[in-house]
Amino acid sequence: MKKHTSLLFLCLACIYTFTQLLNHYPNFLPYSWLMKMLPLMLLIVMTLKGAQKKFVKLFALGLCFSMLGDFFLAYDRINWFIFGLGSFLIAHIIYIFSLTPLSIESIKKRFIGIIIYLVYGISIFSLISPNLKQLFIPVLIYMSVLLFMALTTLNSKKSNNWLIIGGLSFVVSDSLLGINKFYMPINNADFFIMLSYYFAQYALVQGMFLAQQAQPNKC
């Protein structure tokens, strides 16, 4: 991604992220959902513009569902939470397919990393599960898919540092969201959630472009 595009993304992401430190932000700006979506819109446009391989175009579709999830959670995070969860679930499934195939050698080499992810996921879910109620199954499914997406960035044949960092950042972002919503309030939670979320999406895009460059003759 070009430097001026990265800088524009950084500016748009910072505008929304830092406004999360303001009190009653949704009332302060009725169209906060649009401000939240703008950074992803930019990533989608630039990903499609730079896509030369099918897996990058597929990844761009995942970004579209992520942006849809941003809309649902920003417009009405209480009543539309399940729709946001569903949108991000689809996004992660698409991310997984765009990252295939997996490397058996990598799975063996990074087995400890896989165990750490699994133990971490079980620990977080154990914390929040008593308060999930009717969302128990949807959140369990979502967290399982999220962890598999992160593990795919670690063990994909397309794997690189940007993809691994992006997957890890996504896990951190959603962990903060889950703990804040279902376990205990975190000071300035929205700020840290969005900071790690935008970085995750940016890192994944960068990783996809690197993977594309590394496979010039493959789809």
Protein backbone atom coordinates (compact mmCIF):
# COMPACT_ATOMS: atom_id res chain seq x y z
CA MET A 1 0.00 0.00 0.00
CA LYS A 2 1.32 3.43 -0.95
CA LYS A 3 2.54 5.76 1.79
CA HIS A 4 -0.05 8.48 1.11
CA THR A 5 -2.84 5.87 1.29
CA SER A 6 -1.50 4.53 4.57
CA LEU A 7 -1.31 8.06 5.93
CA LEU A 8 -4.91 8.79 4.90
CA PHE A 9 -6.05 5.56 6.54
CA LEU A 10 -4.14 6.50 9.69
CA CYS A 11 -5.81 9.92 9.80
CA LEU A 12 -9.32 8.52 9.29
CA ALA A 13 -8.77 5.76 11.84
CA CYS A 14 -7.36 8.19 14.41
CA ILE A 15 -10.27 10.60 14.00
CA TYR A 16 -12.79 7.94 14.95
CA THR A 17 -10.59 6.18 17.50
CA PHE A 18 -9.73 9.31 19.50
CA THR A 19 -13.33 10.52 19.50
CA GLN A 20 -14.10 7.39 21.51
CA LEU A 21 -12.49 9.21 24.42
CA LEU A 22 -15.31 11.76 24.31
CA ASN A 23 -18.38 11.25 26.45
CA HIS A 24 -21.64 10.35 24.72
CA TYR A 25 -19.97 10.26 21.32
CA PRO A 26 -22.97 8.82 19.41
CA ASN A 27 -25.09 11.81 20.49
CA PHE A 28 -22.26 14.17 19.67
CA LEU A 29 -22.20 13.05 16.05
CA PRO A 30 -25.38 11.33 14.74
CA TYR A 31 -23.48 9.88 11.78
CA SER A 32 -20.74 8.27 13.87
CA TRP A 33 -21.40 5.01 12.02
CA LEU A 34 -20.20 6.66 8.81
CA MET A 35 -17.02 7.91 10.49
CA LYS A 36 -16.38 4.39 11.72
CA MET A 37 -16.84 2.92 8.23
CA LEU A 38 -14.63 5.38 6.33
CA PRO A 39 -11.27 3.72 7.15
CA LEU A 40 -12.62 0.35 5.98
CA MET A 41 -14.06 1.93 2.84
CA LEU A 42 -10.57 3.18 2.01
CA LEU A 43 -9.03 -0.24 2.64
CA ILE A 44 -11.64 -1.91 0.43
CA VAL A 45 -11.04 0.50 -2.45
CA MET A 46 -7.26 0.18 -2.22
CA THR A 47 -7.41 -3.61 -1.87
CA LEU A 48 -9.59 -3.97 -4.96
CA LYS A 49 -7.42 -1.50 -6.83
CA GLY A 50 -4.24 -3.41 -6.01
CA ALA A 51 -5.72 -6.91 -6.30
CA GLN A 52 -4.05 -9.01 -8.98
CA LYS A 53 -4.86 -12.40 -7.51
CA LYS A 54 -8.18 -14.06 -6.73
CA PHE A 55 -7.38 -14.52 -3.04
CA VAL A 56 -6.85 -10.77 -2.59
CA LYS A 57 -10.19 -10.02 -4.27
CA LEU A 58 -11.81 -12.58 -1.99
CA PHE A 59 -10.19 -10.91 1.00
CA ALA A 60 -11.70 -7.59 -0.13
CA LEU A 61 -15.14 -9.21 0.13
CA GLY A 62 -14.32 -10.05 3.74
CA LEU A 63 -13.47 -6.40 4.33
CA CYS A 64 -16.92 -5.50 3.01
CA PHE A 65 -18.57 -7.71 5.64
CA SER A 66 -16.30 -6.20 8.29
CA MET A 67 -17.48 -2.76 7.24
CA LEU A 68 -21.08 -3.95 7.45
CA GLY A 69 -20.36 -5.18 10.98
CA ASP A 70 -18.93 -1.75 11.81
CA PHE A 71 -22.20 -0.19 10.71
CA PHE A 72 -24.36 -2.48 12.82
CA LEU A 73 -22.27 -2.03 15.98
CA ALA A 74 -21.94 1.74 15.56
CA TYR A 75 -25.57 2.38 14.62
CA ASP A 76 -27.11 0.35 17.48
CA ARG A 77 -24.65 -1.79 19.42
CA ILE A 78 -27.38 -3.02 21.79
CA ASN A 79 -30.19 -4.16 19.49
CA TRP A 80 -28.06 -4.89 16.44
CA PHE A 81 -25.15 -6.59 18.21
CA ILE A 82 -26.11 -10.01 16.84
CA PHE A 83 -26.11 -8.63 13.28
CA GLY A 84 -22.67 -7.13 13.81
CA LEU A 85 -21.46 -10.43 15.23
CA GLY A 86 -22.86 -12.28 12.21
CA SER A 87 -21.24 -9.88 9.76
CA PHE A 88 -17.82 -10.28 11.35
CA LEU A 89 -18.34 -14.05 11.48
CA ILE A 90 -18.82 -14.09 7.71
CA ALA A 91 -15.82 -11.75 7.30
CA HIS A 92 -13.54 -14.11 9.22
CA ILE A 93 -14.75 -17.13 7.26
CA ILE A 94 -13.90 -15.28 4.04
CA TYR A 95 -10.51 -14.28 5.48
CA ILE A 96 -9.84 -17.95 6.23
CA PHE A 97 -10.64 -19.03 2.67
CA SER A 98 -8.48 -16.25 1.26
CA LEU A 99 -5.57 -17.50 3.38
CA THR A 100 -5.75 -21.13 2.35
CA PRO A 101 -4.02 -23.50 1.84
CA LEU A 102 -2.37 -24.29 5.15
CA SER A 103 1.19 -25.50 5.54
CA ILE A 104 1.61 -28.81 7.38
CA GLU A 105 5.23 -27.94 8.06
CA SER A 106 4.21 -24.65 9.63
CA ILE A 107 1.61 -26.34 11.82
CA LYS A 108 4.31 -28.66 13.20
CA LYS A 109 6.81 -25.84 13.57
CA ARG A 110 4.39 -23.46 15.33
CA PHE A 111 2.56 -26.04 17.42
CA ILE A 112 3.33 -24.14 20.64
CA GLY A 113 1.78 -21.00 19.16
CA ILE A 114 -1.34 -22.98 18.32
CA ILE A 115 -1.61 -24.24 21.89
CA ILE A 116 -1.17 -20.71 23.27
CA TYR A 117 -3.98 -19.43 21.06
CA LEU A 118 -6.28 -22.28 22.12
CA VAL A 119 -5.56 -21.86 25.84
CA TYR A 120 -6.08 -18.11 25.53
CA GLY A 121 -9.38 -18.54 23.69
CA ILE A 122 -10.70 -21.01 26.24
CA SER A 123 -9.66 -18.70 29.08
CA ILE A 124 -11.41 -15.65 27.62
CA PHE A 125 -14.57 -17.60 26.83
CA SER A 126 -14.60 -19.04 30.37
CA LEU A 127 -14.55 -15.49 31.75
CA ILE A 128 -17.42 -14.16 29.68
CA SER A 129 -19.60 -17.27 29.24
CA PRO A 130 -21.60 -16.90 32.52
CA ASN A 131 -23.02 -13.59 31.25
CA LEU A 132 -23.70 -14.54 27.64
CA LYS A 133 -27.17 -16.06 28.23
CA GLN A 134 -28.92 -16.38 24.82
CA LEU A 135 -25.72 -15.27 23.07
CA PHE A 136 -23.76 -18.27 24.40
CA ILE A 137 -23.88 -20.29 21.16
CA PRO A 138 -23.41 -17.33 18.74
CA VAL A 139 -20.41 -16.01 20.70
CA LEU A 140 -18.92 -19.50 21.02
CA ILE A 141 -19.18 -19.99 17.25
CA TYR A 142 -17.77 -16.53 16.58
CA MET A 143 -14.81 -16.94 18.93
CA SER A 144 -14.01 -20.35 17.45
CA VAL A 145 -13.97 -18.93 13.92
CA LEU A 146 -11.95 -15.89 15.04
CA LEU A 147 -9.32 -18.12 16.64
CA PHE A 148 -9.19 -20.30 13.54
CA MET A 149 -8.68 -17.19 11.41
CA ALA A 150 -5.78 -16.11 13.64
CA LEU A 151 -4.32 -19.61 13.50
CA THR A 152 -4.67 -19.56 9.71
CA THR A 153 -2.58 -16.38 9.50
CA LEU A 154 0.04 -18.26 11.50
CA ASN A 155 0.00 -21.46 9.45
CA SER A 156 -1.03 -20.40 5.97
CA LYS A 157 1.34 -20.97 3.05
CA LYS A 158 0.82 -17.24 2.46
CA SER A 159 1.83 -16.42 6.04
CA ASN A 160 4.03 -13.41 6.75
CA ASN A 161 4.66 -11.11 9.69
CA TRP A 162 1.94 -8.64 8.71
CA LEU A 163 -0.71 -11.37 8.50
CA ILE A 164 0.33 -12.90 11.83
CA ILE A 165 0.26 -9.50 13.56
CA GLY A 166 -3.11 -8.73 11.97
CA GLY A 167 -4.63 -11.96 13.25
CA LEU A 168 -3.22 -11.39 16.73
CA SER A 169 -4.50 -7.79 16.82
CA PHE A 170 -7.98 -8.95 15.83
CA VAL A 171 -7.99 -11.42 18.71
CA VAL A 172 -6.87 -8.66 21.11
CA SER A 173 -9.54 -6.26 19.85
CA ASP A 174 -12.40 -8.75 20.16
CA SER A 175 -11.12 -9.97 23.53
CA LEU A 176 -11.32 -6.41 24.86
CA LEU A 177 -14.81 -6.04 23.41
CA GLY A 178 -15.98 -9.31 24.96
CA ILE A 179 -14.49 -8.63 28.39
CA ASN A 180 -15.85 -5.08 28.45
CA LYS A 181 -19.34 -6.13 27.38
CA PHE A 182 -19.77 -9.44 29.18
CA TYR A 183 -17.34 -9.53 32.11
CA MET A 184 -16.30 -6.15 33.52
CA PRO A 185 -16.04 -2.56 32.27
CA ILE A 186 -12.63 -1.45 31.00
CA ASN A 187 -11.60 2.19 31.19
CA ASN A 188 -11.63 3.75 27.70
CA ALA A 189 -12.46 0.32 26.28
CA ASP A 190 -13.80 1.65 22.97
CA PHE A 191 -10.57 3.52 22.33
CA PHE A 192 -8.40 0.42 22.77
CA ILE A 193 -10.87 -1.79 20.89
CA MET A 194 -10.87 0.47 17.84
CA LEU A 195 -7.12 1.09 18.01
CA SER A 196 -6.35 -2.63 17.84
CA TYR A 197 -9.19 -3.27 15.36
CA TYR A 198 -8.08 -0.73 12.76
CA PHE A 199 -4.49 -1.87 13.12
CA ALA A 200 -5.60 -5.46 12.61
CA GLN A 201 -7.41 -4.69 9.38
CA TYR A 202 -4.52 -2.58 8.09
CA ALA A 203 -1.99 -5.29 8.94
CA LEU A 204 -4.07 -7.97 7.21
CA VAL A 205 -4.30 -5.85 4.06
CA GLN A 206 -0.55 -5.26 4.08
CA GLY A 207 -0.02 -8.98 4.60
CA MET A 208 -2.27 -9.84 1.68
CA PHE A 209 -0.32 -7.54 -0.64
CA LEU A 210 2.95 -9.13 0.51
CA ALA A 211 1.50 -12.59 -0.09
CA GLN A 212 0.41 -11.49 -3.55
CA GLN A 213 3.92 -10.27 -4.37
CA ALA A 214 5.39 -13.55 -3.15
CA GLN A 215 3.14 -15.57 -5.45
CA PRO A 216 3.29 -13.75 -8.82
CA ASN A 217 2.32 -16.81 -10.84
CA LYS A 218 -0.42 -18.17 -8.59
CA CYS A 219 -4.03 -17.28 -7.91
